[in-house]
Amino acid sequence: MTAIAQTNRKVILIAGASRGSGPATARQLAGEGHHVVLGARPSSKLHALVTEIRSAGGSAEWFALDASRPEEMREFLAFAEDVHKRIDVVINNC
């Protein structure tokens, strides 16, 4: 993990984190020392990705999410705020 100042760490949400560029983006950002909160439908893929990131020393959580449902997006945002007390960046990879 790249050492960055604690004050520069961002809480970054990635919707659609289990496919396309989502996993690589999550790995890169977590590797830079940011906290990633991952959301997507296939929770088994998310669980594996979070386990991989944590094993490498990164910080990650996952949330089962269908980004086409506004109420689930609100729950995703609330989950991240509850865990980290803030949200700095949202990436929509859907």
PDB file of N, CA and C in Angstrom:
ATOM      1  N   MET A   1       0.838  -1.167   0.000  1.00  0.00           N
ATOM      2  CA  MET A   1       0.000   0.000   0.000  1.00  0.00           C
ATOM      3  C   MET A   1       0.888   1.237   0.000  1.00  0.00           C
ATOM      4  N   THR A   2       0.542   2.186  -0.817  1.00  0.00           N
ATOM      5  CA  THR A   2       1.242   3.453  -0.863  1.00  0.00           C
ATOM      6  C   THR A   2       0.910   4.239   0.390  1.00  0.00           C
ATOM      7  N   ALA A   3       1.933   4.810   1.024  1.00  0.00           N
ATOM      8  CA  ALA A   3       1.692   5.603   2.218  1.00  0.00           C
ATOM      9  C   ALA A   3       1.209   6.991   1.815  1.00  0.00           C
ATOM     10  N   ILE A   4       0.028   7.366   2.263  1.00  0.00           N
ATOM     11  CA  ILE A   4      -0.480   8.710   2.065  1.00  0.00           C
ATOM     12  C   ILE A   4      -0.885   9.246   3.414  1.00  0.00           C
ATOM     13  N   ALA A   5      -0.857  10.551   3.553  1.00  0.00           N
ATOM     14  CA  ALA A   5      -1.225  11.153   4.822  1.00  0.00           C
ATOM     15  C   ALA A   5      -2.661  10.784   5.177  1.00  0.00           C
ATOM     16  N   GLN A   6      -2.899  10.501   6.446  1.00  0.00           N
ATOM     17  CA  GLN A   6      -4.234  10.123   6.913  1.00  0.00           C
ATOM     18  C   GLN A   6      -5.286  11.136   6.465  1.00  0.00           C
ATOM     19  N   THR A   7      -4.936  12.411   6.454  1.00  0.00           N
ATOM     20  CA  THR A   7      -5.899  13.441   6.073  1.00  0.00           C
ATOM     21  C   THR A   7      -6.217  13.426   4.585  1.00  0.00           C
ATOM     22  N   ASN A   8      -5.399  12.786   3.768  1.00  0.00           N
ATOM     23  CA  ASN A   8      -5.640  12.712   2.331  1.00  0.00           C
ATOM     24  C   ASN A   8      -6.421  11.464   1.927  1.00  0.00           C
ATOM     25  N   ARG A   9      -6.659  10.573   2.863  1.00  0.00           N
ATOM     26  CA  ARG A   9      -7.420   9.364   2.543  1.00  0.00           C
ATOM     27  C   ARG A   9      -8.866   9.735   2.257  1.00  0.00           C
ATOM     28  N   LYS A  10      -9.374   9.201   1.193  1.00  0.00           N
ATOM     29  CA  LYS A  10     -10.752   9.465   0.792  1.00  0.00           C
ATOM     30  C   LYS A  10     -11.609   8.230   1.055  1.00  0.00           C
ATOM     31  N   VAL A  11     -12.876   8.462   1.321  1.00  0.00           N
ATOM     32  CA  VAL A  11     -13.858   7.395   1.384  1.00  0.00           C
ATOM     33  C   VAL A  11     -14.519   7.389   0.011  1.00  0.00           C
ATOM     34  N   ILE A  12     -14.299   6.307  -0.730  1.00  0.00           N
ATOM     35  CA  ILE A  12     -14.720   6.246  -2.126  1.00  0.00           C
ATOM     36  C   ILE A  12     -15.710   5.102  -2.304  1.00  0.00           C
ATOM     37  N   LEU A  13     -16.898   5.436  -2.793  1.00  0.00           N
ATOM     38  CA  LEU A  13     -17.930   4.444  -3.080  1.00  0.00           C
ATOM     39  C   LEU A  13     -17.850   4.090  -4.552  1.00  0.00           C
ATOM     40  N   ILE A  14     -17.950   2.795  -4.840  1.00  0.00           N
ATOM     41  CA  ILE A  14     -17.964   2.339  -6.224  1.00  0.00           C
ATOM     42  C   ILE A  14     -19.201   1.475  -6.422  1.00  0.00           C
ATOM     43  N   ALA A  15     -20.170   2.005  -7.180  1.00  0.00           N
ATOM     44  CA  ALA A  15     -21.358   1.234  -7.551  1.00  0.00           C
ATOM     45  C   ALA A  15     -21.019   0.475  -8.828  1.00  0.00           C
ATOM     46  N   GLY A  16     -21.413  -0.783  -8.913  1.00  0.00           N
ATOM     47  CA  GLY A  16     -21.037  -1.622 -10.052  1.00  0.00           C
ATOM     48  C   GLY A  16     -19.605  -2.104  -9.916  1.00  0.00           C
ATOM     49  N   ALA A  17     -19.205  -2.379  -8.678  1.00  0.00           N
ATOM     50  CA  ALA A  17     -17.808  -2.689  -8.380  1.00  0.00           C
ATOM     51  C   ALA A  17     -17.363  -4.091  -8.759  1.00  0.00           C
ATOM     52  N   SER A  18     -18.294  -4.967  -9.124  1.00  0.00           N
ATOM     53  CA  SER A  18     -17.909  -6.365  -9.356  1.00  0.00           C
ATOM     54  C   SER A  18     -17.599  -6.691 -10.813  1.00  0.00           C
ATOM     55  N   ARG A  19     -17.770  -5.724 -11.716  1.00  0.00           N
ATOM     56  CA  ARG A  19     -17.519  -6.038 -13.130  1.00  0.00           C
ATOM     57  C   ARG A  19     -16.915  -4.833 -13.845  1.00  0.00           C
ATOM     58  N   GLY A  20     -16.539  -5.050 -15.087  1.00  0.00           N
ATOM     59  CA  GLY A  20     -15.930  -3.980 -15.866  1.00  0.00           C
ATOM     60  C   GLY A  20     -14.670  -3.469 -15.191  1.00  0.00           C
ATOM     61  N   SER A  21     -14.543  -2.165 -15.124  1.00  0.00           N
ATOM     62  CA  SER A  21     -13.361  -1.567 -14.509  1.00  0.00           C
ATOM     63  C   SER A  21     -13.485  -1.462 -12.987  1.00  0.00           C
ATOM     64  N   GLY A  22     -14.627  -1.868 -12.423  1.00  0.00           N
ATOM     65  CA  GLY A  22     -14.848  -1.752 -10.987  1.00  0.00           C
ATOM     66  C   GLY A  22     -13.807  -2.428 -10.112  1.00  0.00           C
ATOM     67  N   PRO A  23     -13.519  -3.725 -10.329  1.00  0.00           N
ATOM     68  CA  PRO A  23     -12.532  -4.383  -9.468  1.00  0.00           C
ATOM     69  C   PRO A  23     -11.142  -3.756  -9.549  1.00  0.00           C
ATOM     70  N   ALA A  24     -10.699  -3.429 -10.751  1.00  0.00           N
ATOM     71  CA  ALA A  24      -9.364  -2.825 -10.907  1.00  0.00           C
ATOM     72  C   ALA A  24      -9.317  -1.448 -10.251  1.00  0.00           C
ATOM     73  N   THR A  25     -10.386  -0.691 -10.394  1.00  0.00           N
ATOM     74  CA  THR A  25     -10.455   0.627  -9.762  1.00  0.00           C
ATOM     75  C   THR A  25     -10.400   0.489  -8.243  1.00  0.00           C
ATOM     76  N   ALA A  26     -11.163  -0.453  -7.702  1.00  0.00           N
ATOM     77  CA  ALA A  26     -11.166  -0.674  -6.254  1.00  0.00           C
ATOM     78  C   ALA A  26      -9.785  -1.076  -5.752  1.00  0.00           C
ATOM     79  N   ARG A  27      -9.133  -1.993  -6.461  1.00  0.00           N
ATOM     80  CA  ARG A  27      -7.785  -2.422  -6.053  1.00  0.00           C
ATOM     81  C   ARG A  27      -6.807  -1.244  -6.076  1.00  0.00           C
ATOM     82  N   GLN A  28      -6.862  -0.461  -7.135  1.00  0.00           N
ATOM     83  CA  GLN A  28      -5.943   0.676  -7.285  1.00  0.00           C
ATOM     84  C   GLN A  28      -6.151   1.697  -6.165  1.00  0.00           C
ATOM     85  N   LEU A  29      -7.389   2.082  -5.946  1.00  0.00           N
ATOM     86  CA  LEU A  29      -7.672   3.100  -4.935  1.00  0.00           C
ATOM     87  C   LEU A  29      -7.352   2.608  -3.524  1.00  0.00           C
ATOM     88  N   ALA A  30      -7.706   1.367  -3.224  1.00  0.00           N
ATOM     89  CA  ALA A  30      -7.376   0.810  -1.911  1.00  0.00           C
ATOM     90  C   ALA A  30      -5.863   0.703  -1.758  1.00  0.00           C
ATOM     91  N   GLY A  31      -5.178   0.334  -2.833  1.00  0.00           N
ATOM     92  CA  GLY A  31      -3.718   0.243  -2.799  1.00  0.00           C
ATOM     93  C   GLY A  31      -3.055   1.582  -2.553  1.00  0.00           C
ATOM     94  N   GLU A  32      -3.733   2.661  -2.917  1.00  0.00           N
ATOM     95  CA  GLU A  32      -3.223   4.011  -2.665  1.00  0.00           C
ATOM     96  C   GLU A  32      -3.553   4.492  -1.255  1.00  0.00           C
ATOM     97  N   GLY A  33      -4.271   3.663  -0.500  1.00  0.00           N
ATOM     98  CA  GLY A  33      -4.565   3.986   0.886  1.00  0.00           C
ATOM     99  C   GLY A  33      -5.951   4.537   1.144  1.00  0.00           C
ATOM    100  N   HIS A  34      -6.799   4.593   0.130  1.00  0.00           N
ATOM    101  CA  HIS A  34      -8.158   5.087   0.316  1.00  0.00           C
ATOM    102  C   HIS A  34      -9.051   3.968   0.857  1.00  0.00           C
ATOM    103  N   HIS A  35     -10.164   4.355   1.465  1.00  0.00           N
ATOM    104  CA  HIS A  35     -11.163   3.412   1.953  1.00  0.00           C
ATOM    105  C   HIS A  35     -12.185   3.238   0.841  1.00  0.00           C
ATOM    106  N   VAL A  36     -12.396   2.012   0.385  1.00  0.00           N
ATOM    107  CA  VAL A  36     -13.366   1.778  -0.676  1.00  0.00           C
ATOM    108  C   VAL A  36     -14.583   1.042  -0.126  1.00  0.00           C
ATOM    109  N   VAL A  37     -15.744   1.499  -0.557  1.00  0.00           N
ATOM    110  CA  VAL A  37     -17.004   0.854  -0.208  1.00  0.00           C
ATOM    111  C   VAL A  37     -17.605   0.406  -1.532  1.00  0.00           C
ATOM    112  N   LEU A  38     -17.745  -0.901  -1.685  1.00  0.00           N
ATOM    113  CA  LEU A  38     -18.107  -1.483  -2.965  1.00  0.00           C
ATOM    114  C   LEU A  38     -19.554  -1.942  -2.976  1.00  0.00           C
ATOM    115  N   GLY A  39     -20.249  -1.621  -4.044  1.00  0.00           N
ATOM    116  CA  GLY A  39     -21.636  -2.034  -4.183  1.00  0.00           C
ATOM    117  C   GLY A  39     -21.881  -2.674  -5.537  1.00  0.00           C
ATOM    118  N   ALA A  40     -22.626  -3.777  -5.539  1.00  0.00           N
ATOM    119  CA  ALA A  40     -23.019  -4.462  -6.772  1.00  0.00           C
ATOM    120  C   ALA A  40     -23.975  -5.586  -6.407  1.00  0.00           C
ATOM    121  N   ARG A  41     -24.575  -6.187  -7.420  1.00  0.00           N
ATOM    122  CA  ARG A  41     -25.528  -7.273  -7.171  1.00  0.00           C
ATOM    123  C   ARG A  41     -24.870  -8.582  -6.758  1.00  0.00           C
ATOM    124  N   PRO A  42     -23.871  -9.064  -7.462  1.00  0.00           N
ATOM    125  CA  PRO A  42     -23.319 -10.382  -7.078  1.00  0.00           C
ATOM    126  C   PRO A  42     -22.433 -10.286  -5.834  1.00  0.00           C
ATOM    127  N   SER A  43     -23.034 -10.501  -4.675  1.00  0.00           N
ATOM    128  CA  SER A  43     -22.296 -10.309  -3.431  1.00  0.00           C
ATOM    129  C   SER A  43     -21.127 -11.269  -3.248  1.00  0.00           C
ATOM    130  N   SER A  44     -21.148 -12.447  -3.868  1.00  0.00           N
ATOM    131  CA  SER A  44     -20.013 -13.367  -3.725  1.00  0.00           C
ATOM    132  C   SER A  44     -18.763 -12.767  -4.368  1.00  0.00           C
ATOM    133  N   LYS A  45     -18.921 -12.090  -5.492  1.00  0.00           N
ATOM    134  CA  LYS A  45     -17.778 -11.422  -6.123  1.00  0.00           C
ATOM    135  C   LYS A  45     -17.282 -10.262  -5.261  1.00  0.00           C
ATOM    136  N   LEU A  46     -18.203  -9.538  -4.668  1.00  0.00           N
ATOM    137  CA  LEU A  46     -17.814  -8.426  -3.805  1.00  0.00           C
ATOM    138  C   LEU A  46     -17.069  -8.928  -2.576  1.00  0.00           C
ATOM    139  N   HIS A  47     -17.589  -9.991  -1.981  1.00  0.00           N
ATOM    140  CA  HIS A  47     -16.934 -10.551  -0.802  1.00  0.00           C
ATOM    141  C   HIS A  47     -15.498 -10.972  -1.133  1.00  0.00           C
ATOM    142  N   ALA A  48     -15.306 -11.625  -2.265  1.00  0.00           N
ATOM    143  CA  ALA A  48     -13.963 -12.052  -2.671  1.00  0.00           C
ATOM    144  C   ALA A  48     -13.051 -10.852  -2.910  1.00  0.00           C
ATOM    145  N   LEU A  49     -13.573  -9.803  -3.528  1.00  0.00           N
ATOM    146  CA  LEU A  49     -12.773  -8.608  -3.800  1.00  0.00           C
ATOM    147  C   LEU A  49     -12.390  -7.899  -2.499  1.00  0.00           C
ATOM    148  N   VAL A  50     -13.334  -7.780  -1.568  1.00  0.00           N
ATOM    149  CA  VAL A  50     -13.037  -7.162  -0.278  1.00  0.00           C
ATOM    150  C   VAL A  50     -11.998  -7.980   0.476  1.00  0.00           C
ATOM    151  N   THR A  51     -12.124  -9.291   0.448  1.00  0.00           N
ATOM    152  CA  THR A  51     -11.143 -10.162   1.103  1.00  0.00           C
ATOM    153  C   THR A  51      -9.758  -9.957   0.499  1.00  0.00           C
ATOM    154  N   GLU A  52      -9.682  -9.877  -0.817  1.00  0.00           N
ATOM    155  CA  GLU A  52      -8.411  -9.645  -1.505  1.00  0.00           C
ATOM    156  C   GLU A  52      -7.801  -8.297  -1.097  1.00  0.00           C
ATOM    157  N   ILE A  53      -8.615  -7.251  -1.094  1.00  0.00           N
ATOM    158  CA  ILE A  53      -8.118  -5.911  -0.738  1.00  0.00           C
ATOM    159  C   ILE A  53      -7.628  -5.884   0.701  1.00  0.00           C
ATOM    160  N   ARG A  54      -8.409  -6.461   1.606  1.00  0.00           N
ATOM    161  CA  ARG A  54      -8.000  -6.483   3.017  1.00  0.00           C
ATOM    162  C   ARG A  54      -6.741  -7.304   3.228  1.00  0.00           C
ATOM    163  N   SER A  55      -6.609  -8.421   2.503  1.00  0.00           N
ATOM    164  CA  SER A  55      -5.414  -9.256   2.616  1.00  0.00           C
ATOM    165  C   SER A  55      -4.161  -8.501   2.182  1.00  0.00           C
ATOM    166  N   ALA A  56      -4.344  -7.551   1.271  1.00  0.00           N
ATOM    167  CA  ALA A  56      -3.221  -6.734   0.791  1.00  0.00           C
ATOM    168  C   ALA A  56      -2.991  -5.510   1.686  1.00  0.00           C
ATOM    169  N   GLY A  57      -3.762  -5.398   2.772  1.00  0.00           N
ATOM    170  CA  GLY A  57      -3.588  -4.293   3.709  1.00  0.00           C
ATOM    171  C   GLY A  57      -4.501  -3.114   3.476  1.00  0.00           C
ATOM    172  N   GLY A  58      -5.441  -3.244   2.560  1.00  0.00           N
ATOM    173  CA  GLY A  58      -6.353  -2.144   2.251  1.00  0.00           C
ATOM    174  C   GLY A  58      -7.600  -2.150   3.122  1.00  0.00           C
ATOM    175  N   SER A  59      -8.395  -1.109   2.968  1.00  0.00           N
ATOM    176  CA  SER A  59      -9.627  -0.950   3.716  1.00  0.00           C
ATOM    177  C   SER A  59     -10.795  -1.013   2.746  1.00  0.00           C
ATOM    178  N   ALA A  60     -11.709  -1.971   2.970  1.00  0.00           N
ATOM    179  CA  ALA A  60     -12.837  -2.136   2.053  1.00  0.00           C
ATOM    180  C   ALA A  60     -14.014  -2.771   2.768  1.00  0.00           C
ATOM    181  N   GLU A  61     -15.209  -2.381   2.335  1.00  0.00           N
ATOM    182  CA  GLU A  61     -16.459  -2.995   2.744  1.00  0.00           C
ATOM    183  C   GLU A  61     -17.273  -3.228   1.481  1.00  0.00           C
ATOM    184  N   TRP A  62     -18.296  -4.088   1.592  1.00  0.00           N
ATOM    185  CA  TRP A  62     -19.184  -4.289   0.443  1.00  0.00           C
ATOM    186  C   TRP A  62     -20.630  -4.196   0.897  1.00  0.00           C
ATOM    187  N   PHE A  63     -21.479  -3.888  -0.089  1.00  0.00           N
ATOM    188  CA  PHE A  63     -22.905  -3.738   0.154  1.00  0.00           C
ATOM    189  C   PHE A  63     -23.635  -4.289  -1.061  1.00  0.00           C
ATOM    190  N   ALA A  64     -24.539  -5.248  -0.844  1.00  0.00           N
ATOM    191  CA  ALA A  64     -25.311  -5.812  -1.957  1.00  0.00           C
ATOM    192  C   ALA A  64     -26.248  -4.727  -2.487  1.00  0.00           C
ATOM    193  N   LEU A  65     -26.162  -4.465  -3.784  1.00  0.00           N
ATOM    194  CA  LEU A  65     -26.810  -3.286  -4.348  1.00  0.00           C
ATOM    195  C   LEU A  65     -27.285  -3.520  -5.768  1.00  0.00           C
ATOM    196  N   ASP A  66     -28.495  -3.092  -6.050  1.00  0.00           N
ATOM    197  CA  ASP A  66     -28.983  -2.982  -7.419  1.00  0.00           C
ATOM    198  C   ASP A  66     -29.059  -1.485  -7.683  1.00  0.00           C
ATOM    199  N   ALA A  67     -28.089  -0.958  -8.408  1.00  0.00           N
ATOM    200  CA  ALA A  67     -27.970   0.491  -8.605  1.00  0.00           C
ATOM    201  C   ALA A  67     -29.126   1.081  -9.403  1.00  0.00           C
ATOM    202  N   SER A  68     -29.946   0.248 -10.024  1.00  0.00           N
ATOM    203  CA  SER A  68     -31.100   0.770 -10.748  1.00  0.00           C
ATOM    204  C   SER A  68     -32.266   1.092  -9.805  1.00  0.00           C
ATOM    205  N   ARG A  69     -32.118   0.755  -8.539  1.00  0.00           N
ATOM    206  CA  ARG A  69     -33.170   1.004  -7.552  1.00  0.00           C
ATOM    207  C   ARG A  69     -32.755   2.159  -6.640  1.00  0.00           C
ATOM    208  N   PRO A  70     -33.405   3.311  -6.765  1.00  0.00           N
ATOM    209  CA  PRO A  70     -33.013   4.484  -5.969  1.00  0.00           C
ATOM    210  C   PRO A  70     -32.966   4.225  -4.468  1.00  0.00           C
ATOM    211  N   GLU A  71     -33.906   3.425  -3.951  1.00  0.00           N
ATOM    212  CA  GLU A  71     -33.900   3.174  -2.509  1.00  0.00           C
ATOM    213  C   GLU A  71     -32.654   2.390  -2.085  1.00  0.00           C
ATOM    214  N   GLU A  72     -32.166   1.505  -2.940  1.00  0.00           N
ATOM    215  CA  GLU A  72     -30.942   0.762  -2.617  1.00  0.00           C
ATOM    216  C   GLU A  72     -29.720   1.670  -2.691  1.00  0.00           C
ATOM    217  N   MET A  73     -29.732   2.622  -3.619  1.00  0.00           N
ATOM    218  CA  MET A  73     -28.629   3.584  -3.672  1.00  0.00           C
ATOM    219  C   MET A  73     -28.608   4.433  -2.399  1.00  0.00           C
ATOM    220  N   ARG A  74     -29.781   4.848  -1.919  1.00  0.00           N
ATOM    221  CA  ARG A  74     -29.841   5.614  -0.668  1.00  0.00           C
ATOM    222  C   ARG A  74     -29.316   4.772   0.500  1.00  0.00           C
ATOM    223  N   GLU A  75     -29.664   3.492   0.534  1.00  0.00           N
ATOM    224  CA  GLU A  75     -29.176   2.601   1.592  1.00  0.00           C
ATOM    225  C   GLU A  75     -27.661   2.418   1.500  1.00  0.00           C
ATOM    226  N   PHE A  76     -27.142   2.335   0.284  1.00  0.00           N
ATOM    227  CA  PHE A  76     -25.701   2.213   0.045  1.00  0.00           C
ATOM    228  C   PHE A  76     -24.970   3.446   0.598  1.00  0.00           C
ATOM    229  N   LEU A  77     -25.482   4.626   0.287  1.00  0.00           N
ATOM    230  CA  LEU A  77     -24.889   5.866   0.790  1.00  0.00           C
ATOM    231  C   LEU A  77     -24.970   5.926   2.309  1.00  0.00           C
ATOM    232  N   ALA A  78     -26.113   5.552   2.867  1.00  0.00           N
ATOM    233  CA  ALA A  78     -26.281   5.567   4.322  1.00  0.00           C
ATOM    234  C   ALA A  78     -25.327   4.590   4.997  1.00  0.00           C
ATOM    235  N   PHE A  79     -25.141   3.414   4.389  1.00  0.00           N
ATOM    236  CA  PHE A  79     -24.205   2.425   4.926  1.00  0.00           C
ATOM    237  C   PHE A  79     -22.795   3.010   5.002  1.00  0.00           C
ATOM    238  N   ALA A  80     -22.349   3.620   3.921  1.00  0.00           N
ATOM    239  CA  ALA A  80     -20.997   4.189   3.892  1.00  0.00           C
ATOM    240  C   ALA A  80     -20.844   5.315   4.905  1.00  0.00           C
ATOM    241  N   GLU A  81     -21.840   6.167   5.014  1.00  0.00           N
ATOM    242  CA  GLU A  81     -21.777   7.250   5.999  1.00  0.00           C
ATOM    243  C   GLU A  81     -21.770   6.713   7.417  1.00  0.00           C
ATOM    244  N   ASP A  82     -22.504   5.636   7.668  1.00  0.00           N
ATOM    245  CA  ASP A  82     -22.532   5.031   8.991  1.00  0.00           C
ATOM    246  C   ASP A  82     -21.171   4.454   9.355  1.00  0.00           C
ATOM    247  N   VAL A  83     -20.524   3.795   8.399  1.00  0.00           N
ATOM    248  CA  VAL A  83     -19.229   3.163   8.653  1.00  0.00           C
ATOM    249  C   VAL A  83     -18.103   4.192   8.759  1.00  0.00           C
ATOM    250  N   HIS A  84     -18.063   5.159   7.834  1.00  0.00           N
ATOM    251  CA  HIS A  84     -16.922   6.080   7.746  1.00  0.00           C
ATOM    252  C   HIS A  84     -17.232   7.516   8.151  1.00  0.00           C
ATOM    253  N   LYS A  85     -18.485   7.820   8.414  1.00  0.00           N
ATOM    254  CA  LYS A  85     -18.922   9.147   8.858  1.00  0.00           C
ATOM    255  C   LYS A  85     -18.818  10.217   7.771  1.00  0.00           C
ATOM    256  N   ARG A  86     -18.471   9.823   6.555  1.00  0.00           N
ATOM    257  CA  ARG A  86     -18.417  10.770   5.438  1.00  0.00           C
ATOM    258  C   ARG A  86     -18.305  10.003   4.129  1.00  0.00           C
ATOM    259  N   ILE A  87     -18.558  10.691   3.027  1.00  0.00           N
ATOM    260  CA  ILE A  87     -18.338  10.175   1.691  1.00  0.00           C
ATOM    261  C   ILE A  87     -17.610  11.262   0.921  1.00  0.00           C
ATOM    262  N   ASP A  88     -16.499  10.924   0.300  1.00  0.00           N
ATOM    263  CA  ASP A  88     -15.739  11.911  -0.466  1.00  0.00           C
ATOM    264  C   ASP A  88     -15.950  11.803  -1.971  1.00  0.00           C
ATOM    265  N   VAL A  89     -16.080  10.576  -2.478  1.00  0.00           N
ATOM    266  CA  VAL A  89     -16.177  10.359  -3.914  1.00  0.00           C
ATOM    267  C   VAL A  89     -17.160   9.219  -4.163  1.00  0.00           C
ATOM    268  N   VAL A  90     -17.972   9.367  -5.220  1.00  0.00           N
ATOM    269  CA  VAL A  90     -18.850   8.282  -5.660  1.00  0.00           C
ATOM    270  C   VAL A  90     -18.529   8.002  -7.124  1.00  0.00           C
ATOM    271  N   ILE A  91     -18.246   6.741  -7.422  1.00  0.00           N
ATOM    272  CA  ILE A  91     -17.986   6.322  -8.796  1.00  0.00           C
ATOM    273  C   ILE A  91     -19.130   5.414  -9.228  1.00  0.00           C
ATOM    274  N   ASN A  92     -19.793   5.786 -10.306  1.00  0.00           N
ATOM    275  CA  ASN A  92     -20.892   4.972 -10.834  1.00  0.00           C
ATOM    276  C   ASN A  92     -20.342   4.181 -12.013  1.00  0.00           C
ATOM    277  N   ASN A  93     -20.059   2.923 -11.783  1.00  0.00           N
ATOM    278  CA  ASN A  93     -19.501   2.029 -12.796  1.00  0.00           C
ATOM    279  C   ASN A  93     -20.589   1.137 -13.381  1.00  0.00           C
ATOM    280  N   CYS A  94     -21.813   1.619 -13.416  1.00  0.00           N
ATOM    281  CA  CYS A  94     -22.950   0.819 -13.887  1.00  0.00           C
ATOM    282  C   CYS A  94     -23.220   1.083 -15.354  1.00  0.00           C
TER     283      CYS A  94
END
